[in-house]
């Protein structure tokens, strides 16, 4: 696989041999154009889109769902502790 990439030319610099394959679009890129992010090679345009998506964060709906889940878990834990305490008190001699 590496030998095949090295025989191909960079998508941005046709005079240079390929160094890596962009994992998003599949372009062969030279060593200057290949940018690893989290151990995966990307071309400049795909990396810019990926970084832009990472900066956006979650939507308001996902944050609301997370908050609702935390509240439900809190009340479930509180109820379990109250029932557990009631069982301990009733079983106490």
PDB file of N, CA and C in Angstrom:
ATOM      1  N   UNK A   1       0.827  -1.188   0.000  1.00  0.00           N
ATOM      2  CA  UNK A   1       0.000   0.000   0.000  1.00  0.00           C
ATOM      3  C   UNK A   1       0.871   1.251   0.000  1.00  0.00           C
ATOM      4  N   UNK A   2       1.901   1.294   0.861  1.00  0.00           N
ATOM      5  CA  UNK A   2       2.777   2.463   0.938  1.00  0.00           C
ATOM      6  C   UNK A   2       3.528   2.654  -0.374  1.00  0.00           C
ATOM      7  N   UNK A   3       3.930   1.567  -1.011  1.00  0.00           N
ATOM      8  CA  UNK A   3       4.648   1.679  -2.282  1.00  0.00           C
ATOM      9  C   UNK A   3       3.732   2.228  -3.373  1.00  0.00           C
ATOM     10  N   UNK A   4       2.462   1.843  -3.341  1.00  0.00           N
ATOM     11  CA  UNK A   4       1.502   2.360  -4.321  1.00  0.00           C
ATOM     12  C   UNK A   4       1.315   3.861  -4.155  1.00  0.00           C
ATOM     13  N   UNK A   5       1.225   4.322  -2.925  1.00  0.00           N
ATOM     14  CA  UNK A   5       1.045   5.752  -2.656  1.00  0.00           C
ATOM     15  C   UNK A   5       2.275   6.520  -3.115  1.00  0.00           C
ATOM     16  N   UNK A   6       3.468   5.994  -2.888  1.00  0.00           N
ATOM     17  CA  UNK A   6       4.692   6.693  -3.255  1.00  0.00           C
ATOM     18  C   UNK A   6       4.869   6.775  -4.767  1.00  0.00           C
ATOM     19  N   UNK A   7       4.256   5.860  -5.532  1.00  0.00           N
ATOM     20  CA  UNK A   7       4.336   5.922  -6.990  1.00  0.00           C
ATOM     21  C   UNK A   7       3.393   6.972  -7.556  1.00  0.00           C
ATOM     22  N   UNK A   8       2.350   7.336  -6.811  1.00  0.00           N
ATOM     23  CA  UNK A   8       1.396   8.337  -7.281  1.00  0.00           C
ATOM     24  C   UNK A   8       1.900   9.725  -6.959  1.00  0.00           C
ATOM     25  N   UNK A   9       1.293  10.719  -7.576  1.00  0.00           N
ATOM     26  CA  UNK A   9       1.683  12.113  -7.381  1.00  0.00           C
ATOM     27  C   UNK A   9       0.718  12.812  -6.439  1.00  0.00           C
ATOM     28  N   UNK A  10       1.211  13.857  -5.769  1.00  0.00           N
ATOM     29  CA  UNK A  10       0.407  14.645  -4.839  1.00  0.00           C
ATOM     30  C   UNK A  10      -0.714  15.346  -5.606  1.00  0.00           C
ATOM     31  N   UNK A  11      -1.892  15.408  -5.023  1.00  0.00           N
ATOM     32  CA  UNK A  11      -3.033  16.065  -5.658  1.00  0.00           C
ATOM     33  C   UNK A  11      -2.817  17.574  -5.768  1.00  0.00           C
ATOM     34  N   UNK A  12      -2.047  18.157  -4.863  1.00  0.00           N
ATOM     35  CA  UNK A  12      -1.804  19.599  -4.871  1.00  0.00           C
ATOM     36  C   UNK A  12      -0.497  19.987  -5.563  1.00  0.00           C
ATOM     37  N   UNK A  13       0.474  19.098  -5.556  1.00  0.00           N
ATOM     38  CA  UNK A  13       1.794  19.357  -6.132  1.00  0.00           C
ATOM     39  C   UNK A  13       2.138  18.188  -7.067  1.00  0.00           C
ATOM     40  N   UNK A  14       1.762  18.262  -8.341  1.00  0.00           N
ATOM     41  CA  UNK A  14       1.989  17.138  -9.259  1.00  0.00           C
ATOM     42  C   UNK A  14       3.462  16.776  -9.450  1.00  0.00           C
ATOM     43  N   UNK A  15       4.374  17.668  -9.120  1.00  0.00           N
ATOM     44  CA  UNK A  15       5.800  17.377  -9.280  1.00  0.00           C
ATOM     45  C   UNK A  15       6.355  16.551  -8.114  1.00  0.00           C
ATOM     46  N   UNK A  16       5.570  16.363  -7.065  1.00  0.00           N
ATOM     47  CA  UNK A  16       6.017  15.618  -5.879  1.00  0.00           C
ATOM     48  C   UNK A  16       5.325  14.254  -5.804  1.00  0.00           C
ATOM     49  N   UNK A  17       6.081  13.299  -5.263  1.00  0.00           N
ATOM     50  CA  UNK A  17       5.521  11.967  -5.052  1.00  0.00           C
ATOM     51  C   UNK A  17       4.621  11.972  -3.821  1.00  0.00           C
ATOM     52  N   UNK A  18       3.694  11.049  -3.799  1.00  0.00           N
ATOM     53  CA  UNK A  18       2.773  10.936  -2.680  1.00  0.00           C
ATOM     54  C   UNK A  18       3.448  10.421  -1.423  1.00  0.00           C
ATOM     55  N   UNK A  19       2.937  10.861  -0.301  1.00  0.00           N
ATOM     56  CA  UNK A  19       3.463  10.444   1.004  1.00  0.00           C
ATOM     57  C   UNK A  19       2.378   9.762   1.827  1.00  0.00           C
ATOM     58  N   UNK A  20       1.138  10.247   1.708  1.00  0.00           N
ATOM     59  CA  UNK A  20       0.045   9.715   2.519  1.00  0.00           C
ATOM     60  C   UNK A  20      -1.262   9.811   1.733  1.00  0.00           C
ATOM     61  N   UNK A  21      -2.261   9.163   2.277  1.00  0.00           N
ATOM     62  CA  UNK A  21      -3.594   9.153   1.693  1.00  0.00           C
ATOM     63  C   UNK A  21      -4.535   9.829   2.677  1.00  0.00           C
ATOM     64  N   UNK A  22      -5.304  10.821   2.215  1.00  0.00           N
ATOM     65  CA  UNK A  22      -6.276  11.470   3.084  1.00  0.00           C
ATOM     66  C   UNK A  22      -7.377  10.461   3.400  1.00  0.00           C
ATOM     67  N   UNK A  23      -7.662  10.279   4.664  1.00  0.00           N
ATOM     68  CA  UNK A  23      -8.645   9.277   5.071  1.00  0.00           C
ATOM     69  C   UNK A  23     -10.087   9.718   4.856  1.00  0.00           C
ATOM     70  N   UNK A  24     -10.311  10.982   4.521  1.00  0.00           N
ATOM     71  CA  UNK A  24     -11.676  11.447   4.264  1.00  0.00           C
ATOM     72  C   UNK A  24     -12.005  11.407   2.784  1.00  0.00           C
ATOM     73  N   UNK A  25     -11.190  12.057   1.959  1.00  0.00           N
ATOM     74  CA  UNK A  25     -11.506  12.156   0.531  1.00  0.00           C
ATOM     75  C   UNK A  25     -10.737  11.160  -0.321  1.00  0.00           C
ATOM     76  N   UNK A  26      -9.664  10.579   0.208  1.00  0.00           N
ATOM     77  CA  UNK A  26      -8.899   9.578  -0.538  1.00  0.00           C
ATOM     78  C   UNK A  26      -7.831  10.150  -1.445  1.00  0.00           C
ATOM     79  N   UNK A  27      -7.562  11.447  -1.383  1.00  0.00           N
ATOM     80  CA  UNK A  27      -6.514  12.050  -2.214  1.00  0.00           C
ATOM     81  C   UNK A  27      -5.143  11.613  -1.734  1.00  0.00           C
ATOM     82  N   UNK A  28      -4.225  11.455  -2.685  1.00  0.00           N
ATOM     83  CA  UNK A  28      -2.831  11.214  -2.354  1.00  0.00           C
ATOM     84  C   UNK A  28      -2.192  12.581  -2.169  1.00  0.00           C
ATOM     85  N   UNK A  29      -1.478  12.765  -1.066  1.00  0.00           N
ATOM     86  CA  UNK A  29      -0.840  14.048  -0.767  1.00  0.00           C
ATOM     87  C   UNK A  29       0.631  13.834  -0.444  1.00  0.00           C
ATOM     88  N   UNK A  30       1.439  14.879  -0.684  1.00  0.00           N
ATOM     89  CA  UNK A  30       2.866  14.810  -0.381  1.00  0.00           C
ATOM     90  C   UNK A  30       3.087  15.018   1.120  1.00  0.00           C
ATOM     91  N   UNK A  31       4.333  14.957   1.528  1.00  0.00           N
ATOM     92  CA  UNK A  31       4.647  15.083   2.952  1.00  0.00           C
ATOM     93  C   UNK A  31       4.276  16.466   3.481  1.00  0.00           C
ATOM     94  N   UNK A  32       4.409  17.497   2.657  1.00  0.00           N
ATOM     95  CA  UNK A  32       4.056  18.845   3.079  1.00  0.00           C
ATOM     96  C   UNK A  32       2.550  19.009   3.245  1.00  0.00           C
ATOM     97  N   UNK A  33       1.773  18.358   2.393  1.00  0.00           N
ATOM     98  CA  UNK A  33       0.309  18.513   2.429  1.00  0.00           C
ATOM     99  C   UNK A  33      -0.365  17.593   3.442  1.00  0.00           C
ATOM    100  N   UNK A  34       0.278  16.509   3.816  1.00  0.00           N
ATOM    101  CA  UNK A  34      -0.321  15.559   4.759  1.00  0.00           C
ATOM    102  C   UNK A  34      -0.218  16.105   6.176  1.00  0.00           C
ATOM    103  N   UNK A  35      -1.338  16.155   6.859  1.00  0.00           N
ATOM    104  CA  UNK A  35      -1.349  16.620   8.241  1.00  0.00           C
ATOM    105  C   UNK A  35      -1.999  15.550   9.115  1.00  0.00           C
ATOM    106  N   UNK A  36      -1.237  14.938  10.018  1.00  0.00           N
ATOM    107  CA  UNK A  36      -1.852  13.952  10.906  1.00  0.00           C
ATOM    108  C   UNK A  36      -2.626  14.635  12.029  1.00  0.00           C
ATOM    109  N   UNK A  37      -3.806  14.123  12.307  1.00  0.00           N
ATOM    110  CA  UNK A  37      -4.621  14.604  13.424  1.00  0.00           C
ATOM    111  C   UNK A  37      -5.203  13.380  14.099  1.00  0.00           C
ATOM    112  N   UNK A  38      -4.897  13.182  15.350  1.00  0.00           N
ATOM    113  CA  UNK A  38      -5.271  11.979  16.100  1.00  0.00           C
ATOM    114  C   UNK A  38      -4.738  10.725  15.414  1.00  0.00           C
ATOM    115  N   UNK A  39      -3.544  10.841  14.809  1.00  0.00           N
ATOM    116  CA  UNK A  39      -2.902   9.696  14.187  1.00  0.00           C
ATOM    117  C   UNK A  39      -3.426   9.347  12.810  1.00  0.00           C
ATOM    118  N   UNK A  40      -4.275  10.175  12.228  1.00  0.00           N
ATOM    119  CA  UNK A  40      -4.852   9.918  10.908  1.00  0.00           C
ATOM    120  C   UNK A  40      -4.468  11.066   9.986  1.00  0.00           C
ATOM    121  N   UNK A  41      -4.039  10.738   8.751  1.00  0.00           N
ATOM    122  CA  UNK A  41      -3.634  11.760   7.792  1.00  0.00           C
ATOM    123  C   UNK A  41      -4.836  12.359   7.079  1.00  0.00           C
ATOM    124  N   UNK A  42      -4.801  13.687   6.919  1.00  0.00           N
ATOM    125  CA  UNK A  42      -5.838  14.429   6.205  1.00  0.00           C
ATOM    126  C   UNK A  42      -5.183  15.412   5.255  1.00  0.00           C
ATOM    127  N   UNK A  43      -5.885  15.760   4.164  1.00  0.00           N
ATOM    128  CA  UNK A  43      -5.433  16.864   3.320  1.00  0.00           C
ATOM    129  C   UNK A  43      -5.891  18.165   3.978  1.00  0.00           C
ATOM    130  N   UNK A  44      -5.420  19.306   3.473  1.00  0.00           N
ATOM    131  CA  UNK A  44      -5.697  20.592   4.122  1.00  0.00           C
ATOM    132  C   UNK A  44      -7.188  20.915   4.150  1.00  0.00           C
ATOM    133  N   UNK A  45      -7.907  20.667   3.047  1.00  0.00           N
ATOM    134  CA  UNK A  45      -9.326  21.023   3.021  1.00  0.00           C
ATOM    135  C   UNK A  45     -10.163  20.128   3.941  1.00  0.00           C
ATOM    136  N   UNK A  46      -9.872  18.847   3.972  1.00  0.00           N
ATOM    137  CA  UNK A  46     -10.628  17.940   4.858  1.00  0.00           C
ATOM    138  C   UNK A  46     -10.311  18.232   6.324  1.00  0.00           C
ATOM    139  N   UNK A  47      -9.062  18.564   6.620  1.00  0.00           N
ATOM    140  CA  UNK A  47      -8.685  18.887   7.992  1.00  0.00           C
ATOM    141  C   UNK A  47      -9.371  20.167   8.450  1.00  0.00           C
ATOM    142  N   UNK A  48      -9.478  21.158   7.554  1.00  0.00           N
ATOM    143  CA  UNK A  48     -10.163  22.403   7.915  1.00  0.00           C
ATOM    144  C   UNK A  48     -11.631  22.141   8.233  1.00  0.00           C
ATOM    145  N   UNK A  49     -12.300  21.305   7.431  1.00  0.00           N
ATOM    146  CA  UNK A  49     -13.701  20.962   7.712  1.00  0.00           C
ATOM    147  C   UNK A  49     -13.830  20.199   9.024  1.00  0.00           C
ATOM    148  N   UNK A  50     -12.901  19.299   9.278  1.00  0.00           N
ATOM    149  CA  UNK A  50     -12.957  18.504  10.521  1.00  0.00           C
ATOM    150  C   UNK A  50     -12.736  19.397  11.744  1.00  0.00           C
ATOM    151  N   UNK A  51     -11.797  20.304  11.674  1.00  0.00           N
ATOM    152  CA  UNK A  51     -11.547  21.209  12.802  1.00  0.00           C
ATOM    153  C   UNK A  51     -12.713  22.146  13.030  1.00  0.00           C
ATOM    154  N   UNK A  52     -13.338  22.605  11.950  1.00  0.00           N
ATOM    155  CA  UNK A  52     -14.493  23.489  12.080  1.00  0.00           C
ATOM    156  C   UNK A  52     -15.638  22.747  12.763  1.00  0.00           C
ATOM    157  N   UNK A  53     -15.850  21.494  12.422  1.00  0.00           N
ATOM    158  CA  UNK A  53     -16.895  20.693  13.056  1.00  0.00           C
ATOM    159  C   UNK A  53     -16.600  20.433  14.518  1.00  0.00           C
ATOM    160  N   UNK A  54     -15.318  20.297  14.875  1.00  0.00           N
ATOM    161  CA  UNK A  54     -14.945  20.040  16.270  1.00  0.00           C
ATOM    162  C   UNK A  54     -15.143  21.283  17.120  1.00  0.00           C
ATOM    163  N   UNK A  55     -15.016  22.466  16.535  1.00  0.00           N
ATOM    164  CA  UNK A  55     -15.171  23.708  17.290  1.00  0.00           C
ATOM    165  C   UNK A  55     -16.624  24.050  17.568  1.00  0.00           C
ATOM    166  N   UNK A  56     -17.515  23.589  16.720  1.00  0.00           N
ATOM    167  CA  UNK A  56     -18.917  23.971  16.862  1.00  0.00           C
ATOM    168  C   UNK A  56     -19.531  23.497  18.167  1.00  0.00           C
ATOM    169  N   UNK A  57     -19.103  22.353  18.623  1.00  0.00           N
ATOM    170  CA  UNK A  57     -19.679  21.810  19.851  1.00  0.00           C
ATOM    171  C   UNK A  57     -21.042  21.191  19.569  1.00  0.00           C
ATOM    172  N   UNK A  58     -21.765  20.876  20.624  1.00  0.00           N
ATOM    173  CA  UNK A  58     -23.056  20.237  20.472  1.00  0.00           C
ATOM    174  C   UNK A  58     -24.170  21.247  20.248  1.00  0.00           C
ATOM    175  N   UNK A  59     -25.258  20.761  19.734  1.00  0.00           N
ATOM    176  CA  UNK A  59     -26.412  21.627  19.530  1.00  0.00           C
ATOM    177  C   UNK A  59     -27.150  21.818  20.854  1.00  0.00           C
ATOM    178  N   UNK A  60     -28.075  22.750  20.861  1.00  0.00           N
ATOM    179  CA  UNK A  60     -28.849  23.022  22.079  1.00  0.00           C
ATOM    180  C   UNK A  60     -29.683  21.804  22.457  1.00  0.00           C
ATOM    181  N   UNK A  61     -30.157  21.083  21.460  1.00  0.00           N
ATOM    182  CA  UNK A  61     -30.963  19.896  21.735  1.00  0.00           C
ATOM    183  C   UNK A  61     -30.145  18.807  22.424  1.00  0.00           C
ATOM    184  N   UNK A  62     -28.899  18.621  21.992  1.00  0.00           N
ATOM    185  CA  UNK A  62     -28.070  17.597  22.638  1.00  0.00           C
ATOM    186  C   UNK A  62     -27.713  17.996  24.069  1.00  0.00           C
ATOM    187  N   UNK A  63     -27.491  19.293  24.290  1.00  0.00           N
ATOM    188  CA  UNK A  63     -27.212  19.755  25.657  1.00  0.00           C
ATOM    189  C   UNK A  63     -28.437  19.581  26.548  1.00  0.00           C
ATOM    190  N   UNK A  64     -29.627  19.840  26.008  1.00  0.00           N
ATOM    191  CA  UNK A  64     -30.857  19.667  26.786  1.00  0.00           C
ATOM    192  C   UNK A  64     -31.065  18.196  27.122  1.00  0.00           C
ATOM    193  N   UNK A  65     -30.784  17.310  26.174  1.00  0.00           N
ATOM    194  CA  UNK A  65     -30.921  15.869  26.429  1.00  0.00           C
ATOM    195  C   UNK A  65     -29.938  15.418  27.505  1.00  0.00           C
ATOM    196  N   UNK A  66     -28.712  15.941  27.462  1.00  0.00           N
ATOM    197  CA  UNK A  66     -27.724  15.600  28.480  1.00  0.00           C
ATOM    198  C   UNK A  66     -28.172  16.085  29.853  1.00  0.00           C
ATOM    199  N   UNK A  67     -28.686  17.307  29.930  1.00  0.00           N
ATOM    200  CA  UNK A  67     -29.159  17.856  31.203  1.00  0.00           C
ATOM    201  C   UNK A  67     -30.333  17.039  31.744  1.00  0.00           C
ATOM    202  N   UNK A  68     -31.260  16.656  30.869  1.00  0.00           N
ATOM    203  CA  UNK A  68     -32.402  15.846  31.300  1.00  0.00           C
ATOM    204  C   UNK A  68     -31.952  14.489  31.824  1.00  0.00           C
ATOM    205  N   UNK A  69     -30.970  13.893  31.167  1.00  0.00           N
ATOM    206  CA  UNK A  69     -30.445  12.602  31.622  1.00  0.00           C
ATOM    207  C   UNK A  69     -29.798  12.724  32.989  1.00  0.00           C
ATOM    208  N   UNK A  70     -29.045  13.777  33.217  1.00  0.00           N
ATOM    209  CA  UNK A  70     -28.397  13.988  34.518  1.00  0.00           C
ATOM    210  C   UNK A  70     -29.443  14.175  35.614  1.00  0.00           C
ATOM    211  N   UNK A  71     -30.488  14.950  35.329  1.00  0.00           N
ATOM    212  CA  UNK A  71     -31.555  15.168  36.320  1.00  0.00           C
ATOM    213  C   UNK A  71     -32.253  13.850  36.637  1.00  0.00           C
ATOM    214  N   UNK A  72     -32.561  13.067  35.613  1.00  0.00           N
ATOM    215  CA  UNK A  72     -33.217  11.771  35.843  1.00  0.00           C
ATOM    216  C   UNK A  72     -32.340  10.839  36.670  1.00  0.00           C
ATOM    217  N   UNK A  73     -31.057  10.793  36.360  1.00  0.00           N
ATOM    218  CA  UNK A  73     -30.145   9.950  37.143  1.00  0.00           C
ATOM    219  C   UNK A  73     -30.054  10.421  38.590  1.00  0.00           C
ATOM    220  N   UNK A  74     -30.069  11.722  38.800  1.00  0.00           N
ATOM    221  CA  UNK A  74     -30.035  12.259  40.156  1.00  0.00           C
ATOM    222  C   UNK A  74     -31.259  11.800  40.949  1.00  0.00           C
ATOM    223  N   UNK A  75     -32.448  11.945  40.351  1.00  0.00           N
ATOM    224  CA  UNK A  75     -33.661  11.540  41.057  1.00  0.00           C
ATOM    225  C   UNK A  75     -33.746  10.026  41.246  1.00  0.00           C
ATOM    226  N   UNK A  76     -33.249   9.260  40.282  1.00  0.00           N
ATOM    227  CA  UNK A  76     -33.228   7.805  40.430  1.00  0.00           C
ATOM    228  C   UNK A  76     -32.306   7.400  41.575  1.00  0.00           C
ATOM    229  N   UNK A  77     -31.128   8.043  41.667  1.00  0.00           N
ATOM    230  CA  UNK A  77     -30.196   7.731  42.751  1.00  0.00           C
ATOM    231  C   UNK A  77     -30.789   8.132  44.102  1.00  0.00           C
ATOM    232  N   UNK A  78     -31.437   9.292  44.153  1.00  0.00           N
ATOM    233  CA  UNK A  78     -32.044   9.751  45.400  1.00  0.00           C
ATOM    234  C   UNK A  78     -33.139   8.783  45.844  1.00  0.00           C
ATOM    235  N   UNK A  79     -33.972   8.348  44.911  1.00  0.00           N
ATOM    236  CA  UNK A  79     -35.040   7.401  45.238  1.00  0.00           C
ATOM    237  C   UNK A  79     -34.458   6.076  45.722  1.00  0.00           C
ATOM    238  N   UNK A  80     -33.406   5.615  45.064  1.00  0.00           N
ATOM    239  CA  UNK A  80     -32.782   4.361  45.481  1.00  0.00           C
ATOM    240  C   UNK A  80     -32.197   4.476  46.879  1.00  0.00           C
ATOM    241  N   UNK A  81     -31.619   5.616  47.212  1.00  0.00           N
ATOM    242  CA  UNK A  81     -31.056   5.792  48.551  1.00  0.00           C
ATOM    243  C   UNK A  81     -32.158   5.854  49.607  1.00  0.00           C
ATOM    244  N   UNK A  82     -33.276   6.505  49.305  1.00  0.00           N
ATOM    245  CA  UNK A  82     -34.383   6.580  50.264  1.00  0.00           C
ATOM    246  C   UNK A  82     -34.956   5.190  50.497  1.00  0.00           C
ATOM    247  N   UNK A  83     -35.190   4.432  49.432  1.00  0.00           N
ATOM    248  CA  UNK A  83     -35.712   3.067  49.592  1.00  0.00           C
ATOM    249  C   UNK A  83     -34.717   2.179  50.329  1.00  0.00           C
ATOM    250  N   UNK A  84     -33.429   2.323  49.991  1.00  0.00           N
ATOM    251  CA  UNK A  84     -32.416   1.519  50.676  1.00  0.00           C
ATOM    252  C   UNK A  84     -32.352   1.836  52.155  1.00  0.00           C
ATOM    253  N   UNK A  85     -32.450   3.119  52.500  1.00  0.00           N
ATOM    254  CA  UNK A  85     -32.446   3.499  53.909  1.00  0.00           C
ATOM    255  C   UNK A  85     -33.683   2.968  54.609  1.00  0.00           C
ATOM    256  N   UNK A  86     -34.828   3.008  53.948  1.00  0.00           N
ATOM    257  CA  UNK A  86     -36.060   2.474  54.532  1.00  0.00           C
ATOM    258  C   UNK A  86     -35.964   0.984  54.783  1.00  0.00           C
ATOM    259  N   UNK A  87     -35.358   0.273  53.860  1.00  0.00           N
ATOM    260  CA  UNK A  87     -35.184  -1.170  54.059  1.00  0.00           C
ATOM    261  C   UNK A  87     -34.214  -1.476  55.197  1.00  0.00           C
ATOM    262  N   UNK A  88     -33.164  -0.684  55.321  1.00  0.00           N
ATOM    263  CA  UNK A  88     -32.218  -0.896  56.407  1.00  0.00           C
ATOM    264  C   UNK A  88     -32.852  -0.616  57.769  1.00  0.00           C
ATOM    265  N   UNK A  89     -33.643   0.453  57.845  1.00  0.00           N
ATOM    266  CA  UNK A  89     -34.273   0.812  59.109  1.00  0.00           C
ATOM    267  C   UNK A  89     -35.314  -0.241  59.500  1.00  0.00           C
ATOM    268  N   UNK A  90     -36.080  -0.714  58.529  1.00  0.00           N
ATOM    269  CA  UNK A  90     -37.115  -1.709  58.833  1.00  0.00           C
ATOM    270  C   UNK A  90     -36.512  -3.079  59.210  1.00  0.00           C
ATOM    271  N   UNK A  91     -35.338  -3.359  58.716  1.00  0.00           N
ATOM    272  CA  UNK A  91     -34.680  -4.644  59.023  1.00  0.00           C
ATOM    273  C   UNK A  91     -33.877  -4.567  60.313  1.00  0.00           C
ATOM    274  N   UNK A  92     -33.705  -3.383  60.881  1.00  0.00           N
ATOM    275  CA  UNK A  92     -32.907  -3.210  62.088  1.00  0.00           C
ATOM    276  C   UNK A  92     -33.677  -3.771  63.286  1.00  0.00           C
ATOM    277  N   UNK A  93     -33.021  -4.578  64.119  1.00  0.00           N
ATOM    278  CA  UNK A  93     -33.742  -5.187  65.259  1.00  0.00           C
ATOM    279  C   UNK A  93     -34.112  -4.229  66.363  1.00  0.00           C
TER     280      UNK A  93
END
